[in-house]
Amino acid sequence: MHAAEVTGLCISVFNNNVPVFTKAFGLANAPKNEPLKTTSILSAASFSKAEFAYIVMKLVEEKVIDLDTPLVSYIYINKDSFYKIKMLCILLQTFKNPIGEHYHL
């Protein structure tokens, strides 16, 4: 982690949709020296874009999801404005966050 200048990392391994291993390493907030926890909210940033795209396209290939279906069809979000966000928008990074917060994809 030091060589890559990564201050924190959380790893989860799933088997049949059940987490079988989860562990946090490093810091959630380096300046405050706060340790990373398995319950910490992390930004995936650019590091996981390729993996995310691969997984999404495999799900599309298996007809589990559709790129033009709003995300709220797959997960519950209690915000009407999220109905405009589709998986294709996430992959292409072409959506505006409807609740005014900024997300880095």
C-alpha atoms as a PDB file:
ATOM      1  CA  MET A   1       0.000   0.000   0.000  1.00  0.00           C
ATOM      2  CA  HIS A   2       2.853   2.337   0.795  1.00  0.00           C
ATOM      3  CA  ALA A   3       4.472   1.972  -2.643  1.00  0.00           C
ATOM      4  CA  ALA A   4       1.149   2.753  -4.357  1.00  0.00           C
ATOM      5  CA  GLU A   5       0.457   5.663  -1.959  1.00  0.00           C
ATOM      6  CA  VAL A   6      -2.793   4.032  -0.826  1.00  0.00           C
ATOM      7  CA  THR A   7      -3.791   4.970   2.712  1.00  0.00           C
ATOM      8  CA  GLY A   8      -6.645   2.512   3.083  1.00  0.00           C
ATOM      9  CA  LEU A   9      -8.068  -0.592   1.457  1.00  0.00           C
ATOM     10  CA  CYS A  10     -11.030  -2.829   2.212  1.00  0.00           C
ATOM     11  CA  ILE A  11     -11.321  -6.293   0.682  1.00  0.00           C
ATOM     12  CA  SER A  12     -14.402  -8.512   0.561  1.00  0.00           C
ATOM     13  CA  VAL A  13     -14.636 -11.969  -0.937  1.00  0.00           C
ATOM     14  CA  PHE A  14     -18.056 -13.391  -1.770  1.00  0.00           C
ATOM     15  CA  ASN A  15     -19.134 -16.983  -2.390  1.00  0.00           C
ATOM     16  CA  ASN A  16     -22.663 -17.458  -3.737  1.00  0.00           C
ATOM     17  CA  ASN A  17     -23.510 -13.847  -2.831  1.00  0.00           C
ATOM     18  CA  VAL A  18     -22.452 -14.401   0.778  1.00  0.00           C
ATOM     19  CA  PRO A  19     -19.430 -12.540   2.175  1.00  0.00           C
ATOM     20  CA  VAL A  20     -16.915 -15.116   3.360  1.00  0.00           C
ATOM     21  CA  PHE A  21     -14.080 -12.692   4.116  1.00  0.00           C
ATOM     22  CA  THR A  22     -13.985  -8.961   4.793  1.00  0.00           C
ATOM     23  CA  LYS A  23     -11.042  -7.009   6.170  1.00  0.00           C
ATOM     24  CA  ALA A  24     -10.014  -3.356   6.286  1.00  0.00           C
ATOM     25  CA  PHE A  25      -6.417  -2.186   6.114  1.00  0.00           C
ATOM     26  CA  GLY A  26      -4.886   1.235   6.756  1.00  0.00           C
ATOM     27  CA  LEU A  27      -6.599   4.536   7.373  1.00  0.00           C
ATOM     28  CA  ALA A  28      -9.966   6.010   6.431  1.00  0.00           C
ATOM     29  CA  ASN A  29      -8.661   9.511   7.126  1.00  0.00           C
ATOM     30  CA  ALA A  30      -4.870   9.794   7.044  1.00  0.00           C
ATOM     31  CA  PRO A  31      -4.579  13.391   8.348  1.00  0.00           C
ATOM     32  CA  LYS A  32      -6.711  12.478  11.388  1.00  0.00           C
ATOM     33  CA  ASN A  33      -5.103   9.028  11.703  1.00  0.00           C
ATOM     34  CA  GLU A  34      -8.568   7.396  11.739  1.00  0.00           C
ATOM     35  CA  PRO A  35      -8.454   3.662  11.010  1.00  0.00           C
ATOM     36  CA  LEU A  36     -10.430   2.208   8.134  1.00  0.00           C
ATOM     37  CA  LYS A  37     -13.287  -0.087   9.203  1.00  0.00           C
ATOM     38  CA  THR A  38     -15.207  -2.670   7.214  1.00  0.00           C
ATOM     39  CA  THR A  39     -18.238  -0.385   7.645  1.00  0.00           C
ATOM     40  CA  SER A  40     -16.477   2.695   6.226  1.00  0.00           C
ATOM     41  CA  ILE A  41     -17.934   4.234   3.062  1.00  0.00           C
ATOM     42  CA  LEU A  42     -15.306   4.320   0.324  1.00  0.00           C
ATOM     43  CA  SER A  43     -15.073   5.940  -3.069  1.00  0.00           C
ATOM     44  CA  ALA A  44     -14.246   3.426  -5.776  1.00  0.00           C
ATOM     45  CA  ALA A  45     -12.669   6.124  -7.975  1.00  0.00           C
ATOM     46  CA  SER A  46     -10.819   5.107 -11.136  1.00  0.00           C
ATOM     47  CA  PHE A  47      -9.201   2.080  -9.570  1.00  0.00           C
ATOM     48  CA  SER A  48     -12.234  -0.142 -10.037  1.00  0.00           C
ATOM     49  CA  LYS A  49     -13.714   1.208 -13.283  1.00  0.00           C
ATOM     50  CA  ALA A  50     -12.415  -1.644 -15.423  1.00  0.00           C
ATOM     51  CA  GLU A  51     -13.575  -4.282 -12.966  1.00  0.00           C
ATOM     52  CA  PHE A  52     -16.988  -2.621 -12.622  1.00  0.00           C
ATOM     53  CA  ALA A  53     -17.410  -2.392 -16.403  1.00  0.00           C
ATOM     54  CA  TYR A  54     -16.410  -6.042 -16.834  1.00  0.00           C
ATOM     55  CA  ILE A  55     -18.914  -7.198 -14.198  1.00  0.00           C
ATOM     56  CA  VAL A  56     -21.691  -5.045 -15.658  1.00  0.00           C
ATOM     57  CA  MET A  57     -21.092  -6.334 -19.168  1.00  0.00           C
ATOM     58  CA  LYS A  58     -21.059  -9.944 -17.950  1.00  0.00           C
ATOM     59  CA  LEU A  59     -24.427  -9.295 -16.275  1.00  0.00           C
ATOM     60  CA  VAL A  60     -25.708  -7.758 -19.518  1.00  0.00           C
ATOM     61  CA  GLU A  61     -24.403 -10.758 -21.464  1.00  0.00           C
ATOM     62  CA  GLU A  62     -26.241 -13.091 -19.057  1.00  0.00           C
ATOM     63  CA  LYS A  63     -29.379 -10.926 -19.432  1.00  0.00           C
ATOM     64  CA  VAL A  64     -29.450 -10.213 -15.696  1.00  0.00           C
ATOM     65  CA  ILE A  65     -29.476  -6.451 -16.277  1.00  0.00           C
ATOM     66  CA  ASP A  66     -30.076  -4.111 -19.204  1.00  0.00           C
ATOM     67  CA  LEU A  67     -27.990  -1.005 -19.860  1.00  0.00           C
ATOM     68  CA  ASP A  68     -31.070   1.123 -20.593  1.00  0.00           C
ATOM     69  CA  THR A  69     -33.111   0.109 -17.546  1.00  0.00           C
ATOM     70  CA  PRO A  70     -33.149   2.654 -14.699  1.00  0.00           C
ATOM     71  CA  LEU A  71     -31.029   1.546 -11.740  1.00  0.00           C
ATOM     72  CA  VAL A  72     -33.998   1.810  -9.385  1.00  0.00           C
ATOM     73  CA  SER A  73     -35.397  -1.264 -11.119  1.00  0.00           C
ATOM     74  CA  TYR A  74     -32.591  -3.263  -9.504  1.00  0.00           C
ATOM     75  CA  ILE A  75     -32.081  -1.515  -6.172  1.00  0.00           C
ATOM     76  CA  TYR A  76     -34.389   0.452  -3.899  1.00  0.00           C
ATOM     77  CA  ILE A  77     -33.666   4.172  -3.781  1.00  0.00           C
ATOM     78  CA  ASN A  78     -36.305   6.435  -2.296  1.00  0.00           C
ATOM     79  CA  LYS A  79     -35.639   9.338  -4.657  1.00  0.00           C
ATOM     80  CA  ASP A  80     -37.803   9.979  -7.729  1.00  0.00           C
ATOM     81  CA  SER A  81     -34.978  11.739  -9.551  1.00  0.00           C
ATOM     82  CA  PHE A  82     -32.876   8.557  -9.601  1.00  0.00           C
ATOM     83  CA  TYR A  83     -35.267   7.054 -12.164  1.00  0.00           C
ATOM     84  CA  LYS A  84     -33.303   8.886 -14.870  1.00  0.00           C
ATOM     85  CA  ILE A  85     -30.015   7.141 -14.084  1.00  0.00           C
ATOM     86  CA  LYS A  86     -29.345   4.045 -16.165  1.00  0.00           C
ATOM     87  CA  MET A  87     -26.427   1.627 -16.072  1.00  0.00           C
ATOM     88  CA  LEU A  88     -25.186   2.919 -19.420  1.00  0.00           C
ATOM     89  CA  CYS A  89     -25.014   6.440 -17.930  1.00  0.00           C
ATOM     90  CA  ILE A  90     -22.881   5.097 -15.074  1.00  0.00           C
ATOM     91  CA  LEU A  91     -20.507   3.302 -17.448  1.00  0.00           C
ATOM     92  CA  LEU A  92     -20.164   6.348 -19.680  1.00  0.00           C
ATOM     93  CA  GLN A  93     -20.070   8.748 -16.711  1.00  0.00           C
ATOM     94  CA  THR A  94     -22.724  10.918 -18.298  1.00  0.00           C
ATOM     95  CA  PHE A  95     -25.205  11.376 -15.484  1.00  0.00           C
ATOM     96  CA  LYS A  96     -25.818  14.288 -13.160  1.00  0.00           C
ATOM     97  CA  ASN A  97     -26.326  13.410  -9.539  1.00  0.00           C
ATOM     98  CA  PRO A  98     -29.958  14.243  -8.829  1.00  0.00           C
ATOM     99  CA  ILE A  99     -29.508  14.958  -5.124  1.00  0.00           C
ATOM    100  CA  GLY A 100     -26.815  17.592  -5.513  1.00  0.00           C
ATOM    101  CA  GLU A 101     -23.896  15.573  -4.176  1.00  0.00           C
ATOM    102  CA  HIS A 102     -20.825  14.974  -6.274  1.00  0.00           C
ATOM    103  CA  TYR A 103     -19.766  11.423  -7.036  1.00  0.00           C
ATOM    104  CA  HIS A 104     -16.455  10.472  -8.583  1.00  0.00           C
ATOM    105  CA  LEU A 105     -16.773   7.398 -10.770  1.00  0.00           C
END
